Each structure stands twice: as C-alpha cells, then as structure tokens.
C-alpha atoms as a PDB file:
ATOM      1  CA  MET A   1      47.894  -7.251  28.463  1.00  0.00           C
ATOM      2  CA  LEU A   2      48.293  -8.348  24.834  1.00  0.00           C
ATOM      3  CA  ASP A   3      49.461 -11.780  25.950  1.00  0.00           C
ATOM      4  CA  TRP A   4      46.288 -12.193  28.017  1.00  0.00           C
ATOM      5  CA  LEU A   5      44.135 -11.088  25.065  1.00  0.00           C
ATOM      6  CA  PHE A   6      45.716 -13.494  22.591  1.00  0.00           C
ATOM      7  CA  ASN A   7      45.647 -16.327  25.115  1.00  0.00           C
ATOM      8  CA  TYR A   8      41.940 -15.675  25.702  1.00  0.00           C
ATOM      9  CA  GLN A   9      41.288 -15.866  21.964  1.00  0.00           C
ATOM     10  CA  LYS A  10      43.147 -19.165  21.717  1.00  0.00           C
ATOM     11  CA  ARG A  11      41.250 -20.587  24.683  1.00  0.00           C
ATOM     12  CA  TYR A  12      37.944 -19.488  23.169  1.00  0.00           C
ATOM     13  CA  LEU A  13      38.730 -21.057  19.799  1.00  0.00           C
ATOM     14  CA  ARG A  14      39.686 -24.308  21.523  1.00  0.00           C
ATOM     15  CA  LYS A  15      36.424 -24.175  23.471  1.00  0.00           C
ATOM     16  CA  ILE A  16      34.219 -23.898  20.372  1.00  0.00           C
ATOM     17  CA  LYS A  17      36.236 -26.315  18.245  1.00  0.00           C
ATOM     18  CA  PRO A  18      34.075 -29.329  19.275  1.00  0.00           C
ATOM     19  CA  ILE A  19      30.965 -27.417  18.127  1.00  0.00           C
ATOM     20  CA  VAL A  20      32.554 -26.803  14.719  1.00  0.00           C
ATOM     21  CA  GLU A  21      33.480 -30.472  14.480  1.00  0.00           C
ATOM     22  CA  LYS A  22      29.902 -31.464  15.290  1.00  0.00           C
ATOM     23  CA  ILE A  23      28.587 -29.164  12.558  1.00  0.00           C
ATOM     24  CA  ASN A  24      31.015 -30.640  10.047  1.00  0.00           C
ATOM     25  CA  SER A  25      30.023 -34.179  11.005  1.00  0.00           C
ATOM     26  CA  LEU A  26      26.419 -33.442   9.985  1.00  0.00           C
ATOM     27  CA  GLU A  27      27.278 -32.159   6.500  1.00  0.00           C
ATOM     28  CA  LYS A  28      26.995 -35.500   4.664  1.00  0.00           C
ATOM     29  CA  LYS A  29      23.719 -36.300   6.425  1.00  0.00           C
ATOM     30  CA  PHE A  30      22.028 -33.061   5.416  1.00  0.00           C
ATOM     31  CA  GLU A  31      23.278 -33.270   1.835  1.00  0.00           C
ATOM     32  CA  LYS A  32      20.826 -36.144   1.390  1.00  0.00           C
ATOM     33  CA  ILE A  33      17.651 -34.353   2.477  1.00  0.00           C
ATOM     34  CA  SER A  34      15.224 -33.025  -0.123  1.00  0.00           C
ATOM     35  CA  ASP A  35      14.496 -29.355  -0.830  1.00  0.00           C
ATOM     36  CA  LYS A  36      11.036 -29.906   0.649  1.00  0.00           C
ATOM     37  CA  GLU A  37      12.539 -31.187   3.901  1.00  0.00           C
ATOM     38  CA  LEU A  38      14.932 -28.252   3.931  1.00  0.00           C
ATOM     39  CA  GLY A  39      12.009 -25.857   3.527  1.00  0.00           C
ATOM     40  CA  ALA A  40      10.329 -27.349   6.607  1.00  0.00           C
ATOM     41  CA  THR A  41      13.343 -26.567   8.801  1.00  0.00           C
ATOM     42  CA  THR A  42      11.913 -23.414  10.405  1.00  0.00           C
ATOM     43  CA  GLN A  43       8.694 -25.022  11.581  1.00  0.00           C
ATOM     44  CA  LYS A  44      10.484 -28.198  12.704  1.00  0.00           C
ATOM     45  CA  TYR A  45      12.980 -26.451  14.951  1.00  0.00           C
ATOM     46  CA  ARG A  46      10.439 -24.002  16.337  1.00  0.00           C
ATOM     47  CA  GLU A  47       8.471 -26.994  17.548  1.00  0.00           C
ATOM     48  CA  ARG A  48      11.579 -28.393  19.197  1.00  0.00           C
ATOM     49  CA  LEU A  49      12.194 -25.085  20.977  1.00  0.00           C
ATOM     50  CA  LYS A  50       8.605 -25.082  22.251  1.00  0.00           C
ATOM     51  CA  LYS A  51       9.203 -28.543  23.710  1.00  0.00           C
ATOM     52  CA  GLY A  52      12.056 -27.211  25.827  1.00  0.00           C
ATOM     53  CA  GLU A  53      15.250 -27.485  23.774  1.00  0.00           C
ATOM     54  CA  SER A  54      17.574 -24.483  23.830  1.00  0.00           C
ATOM     55  CA  LEU A  55      19.197 -22.609  20.956  1.00  0.00           C
ATOM     56  CA  ASP A  56      22.602 -23.879  22.031  1.00  0.00           C
ATOM     57  CA  GLU A  57      21.370 -27.477  21.846  1.00  0.00           C
ATOM     58  CA  ILE A  58      20.088 -27.169  18.289  1.00  0.00           C
ATOM     59  CA  LEU A  59      22.942 -24.911  17.106  1.00  0.00           C
ATOM     60  CA  PRO A  60      25.073 -27.612  15.394  1.00  0.00           C
ATOM     61  CA  GLU A  61      22.124 -28.946  13.391  1.00  0.00           C
ATOM     62  CA  VAL A  62      20.821 -25.505  12.452  1.00  0.00           C
ATOM     63  CA  PHE A  63      24.246 -24.213  11.378  1.00  0.00           C
ATOM     64  CA  ALA A  64      24.735 -27.348   9.256  1.00  0.00           C
ATOM     65  CA  LEU A  65      21.346 -26.785   7.613  1.00  0.00           C
ATOM     66  CA  VAL A  66      22.117 -23.127   6.888  1.00  0.00           C
ATOM     67  CA  ARG A  67      25.364 -24.246   5.269  1.00  0.00           C
ATOM     68  CA  GLU A  68      23.459 -26.782   3.152  1.00  0.00           C
ATOM     69  CA  ALA A  69      20.904 -24.145   2.087  1.00  0.00           C
ATOM     70  CA  SER A  70      23.752 -21.833   1.087  1.00  0.00           C
ATOM     71  CA  LYS A  71      25.415 -24.528  -0.980  1.00  0.00           C
ATOM     72  CA  ARG A  72      22.158 -25.214  -2.846  1.00  0.00           C
ATOM     73  CA  THR A  73      21.098 -21.612  -3.442  1.00  0.00           C
ATOM     74  CA  LEU A  74      24.328 -19.617  -3.687  1.00  0.00           C
ATOM     75  CA  GLY A  75      26.864 -22.324  -4.403  1.00  0.00           C
ATOM     76  CA  GLN A  76      28.816 -21.077  -1.374  1.00  0.00           C
ATOM     77  CA  ARG A  77      29.896 -23.224   1.573  1.00  0.00           C
ATOM     78  CA  HIS A  78      30.524 -21.779   5.040  1.00  0.00           C
ATOM     79  CA  PHE A  79      34.138 -22.453   6.016  1.00  0.00           C
ATOM     80  CA  ASP A  80      35.189 -23.297   9.573  1.00  0.00           C
ATOM     81  CA  VAL A  81      36.287 -19.712  10.261  1.00  0.00           C
ATOM     82  CA  GLN A  82      32.784 -18.530   9.329  1.00  0.00           C
ATOM     83  CA  LEU A  83      31.226 -21.148  11.596  1.00  0.00           C
ATOM     84  CA  MET A  84      33.427 -19.860  14.437  1.00  0.00           C
ATOM     85  CA  ALA A  85      32.368 -16.285  13.736  1.00  0.00           C
ATOM     86  CA  GLY A  86      28.732 -17.375  13.700  1.00  0.00           C
ATOM     87  CA  ILE A  87      29.073 -19.056  17.094  1.00  0.00           C
ATOM     88  CA  ALA A  88      30.769 -15.966  18.534  1.00  0.00           C
ATOM     89  CA  MET A  89      28.040 -13.638  17.243  1.00  0.00           C
ATOM     90  CA  HIS A  90      25.330 -15.922  18.614  1.00  0.00           C
ATOM     91  CA  GLN A  91      27.011 -15.672  22.012  1.00  0.00           C
ATOM     92  CA  GLY A  92      26.973 -11.870  21.872  1.00  0.00           C
ATOM     93  CA  LYS A  93      30.649 -11.438  21.093  1.00  0.00           C
ATOM     94  CA  ILE A  94      32.411  -9.263  18.522  1.00  0.00           C
ATOM     95  CA  ALA A  95      33.824 -11.220  15.592  1.00  0.00           C
ATOM     96  CA  GLN A  96      36.495  -9.393  13.613  1.00  0.00           C
ATOM     97  CA  MET A  97      36.589 -10.488   9.985  1.00  0.00           C
ATOM     98  CA  PHE A  98      38.551  -8.845   7.216  1.00  0.00           C
ATOM     99  CA  THR A  99      37.153  -7.889   3.828  1.00  0.00           C
ATOM    100  CA  GLY A 100      36.738 -10.988   1.708  1.00  0.00           C
ATOM    101  CA  GLU A 101      36.425 -13.434   4.602  1.00  0.00           C
ATOM    102  CA  GLY A 102      32.678 -13.662   4.133  1.00  0.00           C
ATOM    103  CA  LYS A 103      31.149 -11.850   7.100  1.00  0.00           C
ATOM    104  CA  THR A 104      27.854 -11.379   5.237  1.00  0.00           C
ATOM    105  CA  LEU A 105      27.567 -15.131   4.785  1.00  0.00           C
ATOM    106  CA  ALA A 106      28.762 -15.805   8.348  1.00  0.00           C
ATOM    107  CA  ALA A 107      25.988 -13.595   9.747  1.00  0.00           C
ATOM    108  CA  THR A 108      23.313 -15.859   8.238  1.00  0.00           C
ATOM    109  CA  LEU A 109      24.179 -18.538  10.820  1.00  0.00           C
ATOM    110  CA  PRO A 110      23.332 -16.699  14.088  1.00  0.00           C
ATOM    111  CA  ALA A 111      20.601 -14.690  12.339  1.00  0.00           C
ATOM    112  CA  TYR A 112      18.687 -17.776  11.278  1.00  0.00           C
ATOM    113  CA  LEU A 113      19.301 -19.627  14.551  1.00  0.00           C
ATOM    114  CA  ASN A 114      17.885 -16.776  16.641  1.00  0.00           C
ATOM    115  CA  CYS A 115      14.941 -16.116  14.336  1.00  0.00           C
ATOM    116  CA  LEU A 116      13.661 -19.581  15.249  1.00  0.00           C
ATOM    117  CA  THR A 117      12.427 -18.129  18.545  1.00  0.00           C
ATOM    118  CA  GLY A 118       9.820 -16.225  16.528  1.00  0.00           C
ATOM    119  CA  LYS A 119      10.885 -12.935  18.094  1.00  0.00           C
ATOM    120  CA  GLY A 120      12.655 -11.507  15.043  1.00  0.00           C
ATOM    121  CA  VAL A 121      16.253 -10.624  14.252  1.00  0.00           C
ATOM    122  CA  HIS A 122      17.635  -7.236  13.166  1.00  0.00           C
ATOM    123  CA  ILE A 123      20.719  -7.086  10.951  1.00  0.00           C
ATOM    124  CA  VAL A 124      22.107  -3.556  11.027  1.00  0.00           C
ATOM    125  CA  THR A 125      23.966  -2.443   7.886  1.00  0.00           C
ATOM    126  CA  VAL A 126      25.817   0.788   7.172  1.00  0.00           C
ATOM    127  CA  ASN A 127      23.660   1.962   4.243  1.00  0.00           C
ATOM    128  CA  ASP A 128      20.433   1.324   2.317  1.00  0.00           C
ATOM    129  CA  TYR A 129      22.276  -0.280  -0.573  1.00  0.00           C
ATOM    130  CA  LEU A 130      23.684  -3.064   1.608  1.00  0.00           C
ATOM    131  CA  ALA A 131      20.324  -3.579   3.308  1.00  0.00           C
ATOM    132  CA  GLN A 132      18.663  -4.259  -0.046  1.00  0.00           C
ATOM    133  CA  ARG A 133      21.589  -6.191  -1.506  1.00  0.00           C
ATOM    134  CA  ASP A 134      21.888  -8.565   1.442  1.00  0.00           C
ATOM    135  CA  THR A 135      18.133  -9.117   1.591  1.00  0.00           C
ATOM    136  CA  VAL A 136      18.115 -10.353  -1.994  1.00  0.00           C
ATOM    137  CA  TRP A 137      21.458 -12.143  -1.813  1.00  0.00           C
ATOM    138  CA  MET A 138      21.159 -13.879   1.585  1.00  0.00           C
ATOM    139  CA  GLY A 139      17.378 -14.012   1.323  1.00  0.00           C
ATOM    140  CA  GLN A 140      17.744 -17.064  -0.891  1.00  0.00           C
ATOM    141  CA  ILE A 141      19.192 -18.994   2.054  1.00  0.00           C
ATOM    142  CA  TYR A 142      16.469 -17.955   4.491  1.00  0.00           C
ATOM    143  CA  HIS A 143      13.739 -18.603   1.930  1.00  0.00           C
ATOM    144  CA  ALA A 144      15.064 -22.109   1.243  1.00  0.00           C
ATOM    145  CA  LEU A 145      14.793 -22.813   4.983  1.00  0.00           C
ATOM    146  CA  GLY A 146      11.239 -21.507   5.223  1.00  0.00           C
ATOM    147  CA  ALA A 147      11.922 -18.131   6.836  1.00  0.00           C
ATOM    148  CA  LYS A 148      10.830 -14.643   5.776  1.00  0.00           C
ATOM    149  CA  VAL A 149      13.310 -11.801   5.305  1.00  0.00           C
ATOM    150  CA  ALA A 150      12.611  -8.089   4.793  1.00  0.00           C
ATOM    151  CA  CYS A 151      14.516  -4.812   4.558  1.00  0.00           C
ATOM    152  CA  LEU A 152      14.012  -1.149   5.344  1.00  0.00           C
ATOM    153  CA  ILE A 153      15.163   1.860   3.366  1.00  0.00           C
ATOM    154  CA  HIS A 154      14.152   5.499   3.624  1.00  0.00           C
ATOM    155  CA  GLU A 155      10.322   5.675   3.741  1.00  0.00           C
ATOM    156  CA  LYS A 156       9.979   2.188   2.206  1.00  0.00           C
ATOM    157  CA  ALA A 157      10.039  -1.459   3.246  1.00  0.00           C
ATOM    158  CA  PHE A 158      10.363  -4.632   1.169  1.00  0.00           C
ATOM    159  CA  LEU A 159       9.905  -8.378   1.564  1.00  0.00           C
ATOM    160  CA  TYR A 160      12.131 -10.826  -0.288  1.00  0.00           C
ATOM    161  CA  ASP A 161       9.760 -12.745  -2.552  1.00  0.00           C
ATOM    162  CA  PRO A 162      11.185 -14.781  -5.457  1.00  0.00           C
ATOM    163  CA  GLU A 163       7.639 -15.260  -6.794  1.00  0.00           C
ATOM    164  CA  TYR A 164       6.812 -11.545  -6.742  1.00  0.00           C
ATOM    165  CA  GLN A 165       7.139 -11.016 -10.469  1.00  0.00           C
ATOM    166  CA  LYS A 166       6.030 -14.042 -12.413  1.00  0.00           C
ATOM    167  CA  GLU A 167       7.884 -12.817 -15.493  1.00  0.00           C
ATOM    168  CA  ILE A 168      11.233 -13.292 -13.786  1.00  0.00           C
ATOM    169  CA  SER A 169      13.286 -15.249 -16.260  1.00  0.00           C
ATOM    170  CA  GLU A 170      15.916 -17.874 -15.652  1.00  0.00           C
ATOM    171  CA  LYS A 171      18.443 -15.324 -16.859  1.00  0.00           C
ATOM    172  CA  MET A 172      17.482 -12.898 -14.079  1.00  0.00           C
ATOM    173  CA  ASP A 173      17.688 -15.677 -11.514  1.00  0.00           C
ATOM    174  CA  LYS A 174      21.237 -16.436 -12.609  1.00  0.00           C
ATOM    175  CA  GLU A 175      22.025 -12.715 -12.554  1.00  0.00           C
ATOM    176  CA  ARG A 176      20.966 -12.600  -8.885  1.00  0.00           C
ATOM    177  CA  ASP A 177      23.280 -15.494  -8.055  1.00  0.00           C
ATOM    178  CA  LEU A 178      26.256 -14.144  -9.989  1.00  0.00           C
ATOM    179  CA  LEU A 179      25.966 -10.442  -9.174  1.00  0.00           C
ATOM    180  CA  GLY A 180      24.271 -10.621  -5.788  1.00  0.00           C
ATOM    181  CA  SER A 181      27.387  -9.500  -3.969  1.00  0.00           C
ATOM    182  CA  PHE A 182      27.348  -6.061  -5.582  1.00  0.00           C
ATOM    183  CA  LYS A 183      24.142  -5.599  -7.577  1.00  0.00           C
ATOM    184  CA  ILE A 184      20.574  -5.449  -6.270  1.00  0.00           C
ATOM    185  CA  VAL A 185      18.030  -7.325  -8.405  1.00  0.00           C
ATOM    186  CA  LYS A 186      15.023  -5.352  -7.170  1.00  0.00           C
ATOM    187  CA  SER A 187      12.513  -7.544  -8.984  1.00  0.00           C
ATOM    188  CA  PHE A 188      12.735  -9.920  -6.026  1.00  0.00           C
ATOM    189  CA  LEU A 189      11.710  -7.205  -3.535  1.00  0.00           C
ATOM    190  CA  ARG A 190       7.988  -6.681  -2.963  1.00  0.00           C
ATOM    191  CA  GLU A 191       7.055  -3.417  -1.278  1.00  0.00           C
ATOM    192  CA  ILE A 192       5.096  -3.899   1.960  1.00  0.00           C
ATOM    193  CA  PRO A 193       3.942  -1.753   4.907  1.00  0.00           C
ATOM    194  CA  ARG A 194       6.673  -0.982   7.404  1.00  0.00           C
ATOM    195  CA  LYS A 195       4.839  -2.739  10.231  1.00  0.00           C
ATOM    196  CA  GLU A 196       4.613  -5.910   8.182  1.00  0.00           C
ATOM    197  CA  ALA A 197       8.352  -5.783   7.493  1.00  0.00           C
ATOM    198  CA  TYR A 198       9.032  -5.834  11.223  1.00  0.00           C
ATOM    199  CA  GLN A 199       7.010  -9.048  11.489  1.00  0.00           C
ATOM    200  CA  ALA A 200       9.460 -10.866   9.196  1.00  0.00           C
ATOM    201  CA  ASP A 201      11.776 -13.418  10.773  1.00  0.00           C
ATOM    202  CA  ILE A 202      14.849 -11.403   9.766  1.00  0.00           C
ATOM    203  CA  ILE A 203      14.998  -7.733   8.799  1.00  0.00           C
ATOM    204  CA  TYR A 204      17.899  -5.770   7.300  1.00  0.00           C
ATOM    205  CA  GLY A 205      18.232  -2.014   7.687  1.00  0.00           C
ATOM    206  CA  THR A 206      20.490   0.826   8.753  1.00  0.00           C
ATOM    207  CA  ASN A 207      20.887   2.003  12.330  1.00  0.00           C
ATOM    208  CA  HIS A 208      19.188   5.250  11.328  1.00  0.00           C
ATOM    209  CA  GLU A 209      16.077   3.486  10.008  1.00  0.00           C
ATOM    210  CA  PHE A 210      15.750   1.340  13.116  1.00  0.00           C
ATOM    211  CA  GLY A 211      16.521   4.297  15.366  1.00  0.00           C
ATOM    212  CA  PHE A 212      14.025   6.703  13.841  1.00  0.00           C
ATOM    213  CA  ASP A 213      11.293   4.052  13.776  1.00  0.00           C
ATOM    214  CA  TYR A 214      11.925   3.589  17.495  1.00  0.00           C
ATOM    215  CA  LEU A 215      11.559   7.325  18.085  1.00  0.00           C
ATOM    216  CA  ARG A 216       8.418   7.586  15.941  1.00  0.00           C
ATOM    217  CA  ASP A 217       6.867   4.668  17.821  1.00  0.00           C
ATOM    218  CA  HIS A 218       7.246   6.683  21.030  1.00  0.00           C
ATOM    219  CA  MET A 219       5.315   9.581  19.498  1.00  0.00           C
ATOM    220  CA  VAL A 220       2.174   7.697  18.408  1.00  0.00           C
ATOM    221  CA  TYR A 221      -1.133   8.302  20.184  1.00  0.00           C
ATOM    222  CA  ASP A 222      -2.464   4.796  19.564  1.00  0.00           C
ATOM    223  CA  LEU A 223      -0.400   1.638  20.217  1.00  0.00           C
ATOM    224  CA  LYS A 224      -1.733   0.003  17.042  1.00  0.00           C
ATOM    225  CA  ASP A 225       0.156   2.651  15.063  1.00  0.00           C
ATOM    226  CA  LYS A 226       3.541   1.411  16.319  1.00  0.00           C
ATOM    227  CA  VAL A 227       5.545  -0.472  13.674  1.00  0.00           C
ATOM    228  CA  GLN A 228       8.263  -2.171  15.711  1.00  0.00           C
ATOM    229  CA  ARG A 229       7.750  -5.184  17.916  1.00  0.00           C
ATOM    230  CA  GLU A 230       9.676  -6.022  21.072  1.00  0.00           C
ATOM    231  CA  LEU A 231      13.426  -5.973  20.425  1.00  0.00           C
ATOM    232  CA  TYR A 232      15.215  -9.313  20.792  1.00  0.00           C
ATOM    233  CA  PHE A 233      18.448 -10.013  18.855  1.00  0.00           C
ATOM    234  CA  ALA A 234      20.595  -7.860  16.573  1.00  0.00           C
ATOM    235  CA  ILE A 235      23.721  -8.347  14.484  1.00  0.00           C
ATOM    236  CA  ILE A 236      25.635  -5.161  13.704  1.00  0.00           C
ATOM    237  CA  ASP A 237      27.884  -4.843  10.666  1.00  0.00           C
ATOM    238  CA  GLU A 238      30.841  -2.463  11.058  1.00  0.00           C
ATOM    239  CA  ILE A 239      30.144  -2.301  14.788  1.00  0.00           C
ATOM    240  CA  ASP A 240      32.973   0.156  15.508  1.00  0.00           C
ATOM    241  CA  SER A 241      31.547   2.641  13.019  1.00  0.00           C
ATOM    242  CA  ILE A 242      27.957   2.353  14.217  1.00  0.00           C
ATOM    243  CA  LEU A 243      28.440   2.108  17.989  1.00  0.00           C
ATOM    244  CA  ILE A 244      31.404   4.506  18.268  1.00  0.00           C
ATOM    245  CA  ASP A 245      31.699   6.886  15.319  1.00  0.00           C
ATOM    246  CA  GLU A 246      28.037   7.379  14.459  1.00  0.00           C
ATOM    247  CA  ALA A 247      26.934   7.113  18.085  1.00  0.00           C
ATOM    248  CA  ARG A 248      28.368  10.595  18.622  1.00  0.00           C
ATOM    249  CA  THR A 249      25.617  11.985  16.391  1.00  0.00           C
ATOM    250  CA  PRO A 250      22.254  11.808  18.209  1.00  0.00           C
ATOM    251  CA  LEU A 251      19.047  10.885  16.376  1.00  0.00           C
ATOM    252  CA  ILE A 252      16.621  13.779  16.805  1.00  0.00           C
ATOM    253  CA  ILE A 253      13.032  13.829  15.620  1.00  0.00           C
ATOM    254  CA  THR A 254      10.602  16.753  15.815  1.00  0.00           C
ATOM    255  CA  GLN A 255       7.024  17.470  14.834  1.00  0.00           C
ATOM    256  CA  PRO A 256       5.052  20.711  14.475  1.00  0.00           C
ATOM    257  CA  ASP A 257       2.803  21.943  17.279  1.00  0.00           C
ATOM    258  CA  VAL A 258      -0.747  20.684  16.841  1.00  0.00           C
ATOM    259  CA  GLU A 259      -2.147  23.410  19.090  1.00  0.00           C
ATOM    260  CA  SER A 260      -1.207  27.038  19.632  1.00  0.00           C
ATOM    261  CA  SER A 261       1.443  27.733  22.265  1.00  0.00           C
ATOM    262  CA  LYS A 262      -0.944  30.369  23.702  1.00  0.00           C
ATOM    263  CA  TYR A 263      -2.805  27.568  25.477  1.00  0.00           C
ATOM    264  CA  TYR A 264       0.336  26.704  27.410  1.00  0.00           C
ATOM    265  CA  GLN A 265       0.641  30.325  28.571  1.00  0.00           C
ATOM    266  CA  LYS A 266      -2.966  30.326  29.785  1.00  0.00           C
ATOM    267  CA  PHE A 267      -2.580  27.016  31.617  1.00  0.00           C
ATOM    268  CA  ALA A 268       0.630  28.258  33.248  1.00  0.00           C
ATOM    269  CA  ARG A 269      -1.266  31.232  34.728  1.00  0.00           C
ATOM    270  CA  ILE A 270      -4.143  29.010  35.922  1.00  0.00           C
ATOM    271  CA  VAL A 271      -1.767  26.593  37.664  1.00  0.00           C
ATOM    272  CA  SER A 272      -0.430  29.370  39.863  1.00  0.00           C
ATOM    273  CA  TYR A 273      -3.926  29.749  41.445  1.00  0.00           C
ATOM    274  CA  LEU A 274      -4.373  26.048  42.255  1.00  0.00           C
ATOM    275  CA  LYS A 275      -4.150  25.061  45.930  1.00  0.00           C
ATOM    276  CA  GLU A 276      -2.686  21.816  47.201  1.00  0.00           C
ATOM    277  CA  GLY A 277      -5.307  19.693  48.970  1.00  0.00           C
ATOM    278  CA  GLU A 278      -8.211  21.510  47.325  1.00  0.00           C
ATOM    279  CA  ASP A 279      -7.469  21.327  43.618  1.00  0.00           C
ATOM    280  CA  TYR A 280      -4.941  18.495  43.587  1.00  0.00           C
ATOM    281  CA  GLU A 281      -3.323  15.978  45.918  1.00  0.00           C
END
C-alpha cells in the first residue's frame, strides 16, 4: 500500500514538472514588465477567460506573474516546491507542507488563479489572527495584480487598502514587510460591511465565520439580507484540523421566538378539524 502511495506521488510530480518548467521559463520575461502592466493583470486574464481560455491554459503565465508580484512587494520568490503545491491545490488535491516551507505564500498561486473567474475564493484559516495577518501580508501581492482581498473576524469585516490611512509613513510600510509574518499592521485594514467583504476577489476567514454566515443566510426573510454569494473555490489551511477534528463539533445557531408559542398550540387544535378534500388537497 505504501509503495503504491509513494509511486503515485512520484508519478504526479513527474506529470506536473513540465508545468513548473514553463512557469520558470517565463520569469525573465515578466521581470521586464512595469508595475502598471502588472496591475492590469486581473482585467487582462479575465478577458481571456471570457474569450474561451481555461484556467489550466493560463496557469503558467498567472503563476509566473504572482511570483513576480511577490518578488516586488515582499521580496520573496516562490520556489519550485511551492509552485508544485500551488498546482496541486488548484487541482483540488491536498498538499502537505511542513512549517517553514511557505504554505501561506504557496496558497497565493491557486487563490489568485481561481479568483480570475470573478466568482470569489475563500481561504480558510484556523483563527482570526491569521485571517487578518495573511490579508495584510499576502494582500500586497493581490493588490499589485489588481485584485481585492478582504477578511472576516468576529462581527467585523475588513478590506485590505494600502491607501486607507493617508498618514501611513514609509516606516510603517517597511514594518508591514518585515513583520508581516507575525504582526498585523491594522492600519492597512479598512472596516467594511460583511456583504461587501464577500464581494472581494479573495477573502480570508475562519471556518466558524464562514459557517455561521452560511447558517445566518438561511434564516433571513429577504434574500437581499444574505451576505454570502454562491460558493466556488476554497483553500483550507490545516485541513486535517478543520475537516476532521473541528468537524466533530457542529455549528448551531438559534434565535428567540418572535411570536408566542401559544399560537402553535391553537393552530395544532385547528388542524385536527380540517378535512382532506374540503379544506386542503
């Protein structure tokens, strides 16, 4: 059994190796484009998708552009192992990466690629801290490419906006770059309505926030009060914890009775007098 598993992994890595090589071959080309051209990436590739190209066809170019945006904003370059993980996640597979291998950075690749459909991407984190941290940290990449990124925390939602506070100094900007992996520079997060956050191209949040919003949306009386849009693509961090450990604890939501329970007792008595064919079909 183990031999089959390891052989499958080797075959898969060999299968995606040409894709990685194609991405690497585009690196020098995209190093020459301007920041303005980089910022037009989202609109450019959405137009190509509308004309009939598939995500798999544009994947090498888009991954190479995400890598270039990361190099310019964070000073970090996606390594081949991160490209492989990104391809696997895009294909709906589980990618196991150890601490320090850069899974947060790797997730930007499939997240950005799939957000180009315009249907939105959810990135599920294990706590509110990581949701905010990654929005600010990785948000620089998405923003450089022309995409919007938001996050959810308990009873609040934020949009990554580097222009939010005009008094942001160069020192704070450097602080975001240097400490982004463990400190949240909240000055770059602008509070917005929850419904607006779900309209962002990419949204970070915990499984509880997404789950309870889903439940609340099924309790509204008017459809315009729903905050979520149709679900499309999600990347889950610590998937074993969220889909196995935490899945054993159900999400339960309740609300107080609007009307007295006495009405239900009265209606129950009335129903017993109704006759089939006369009062109902």
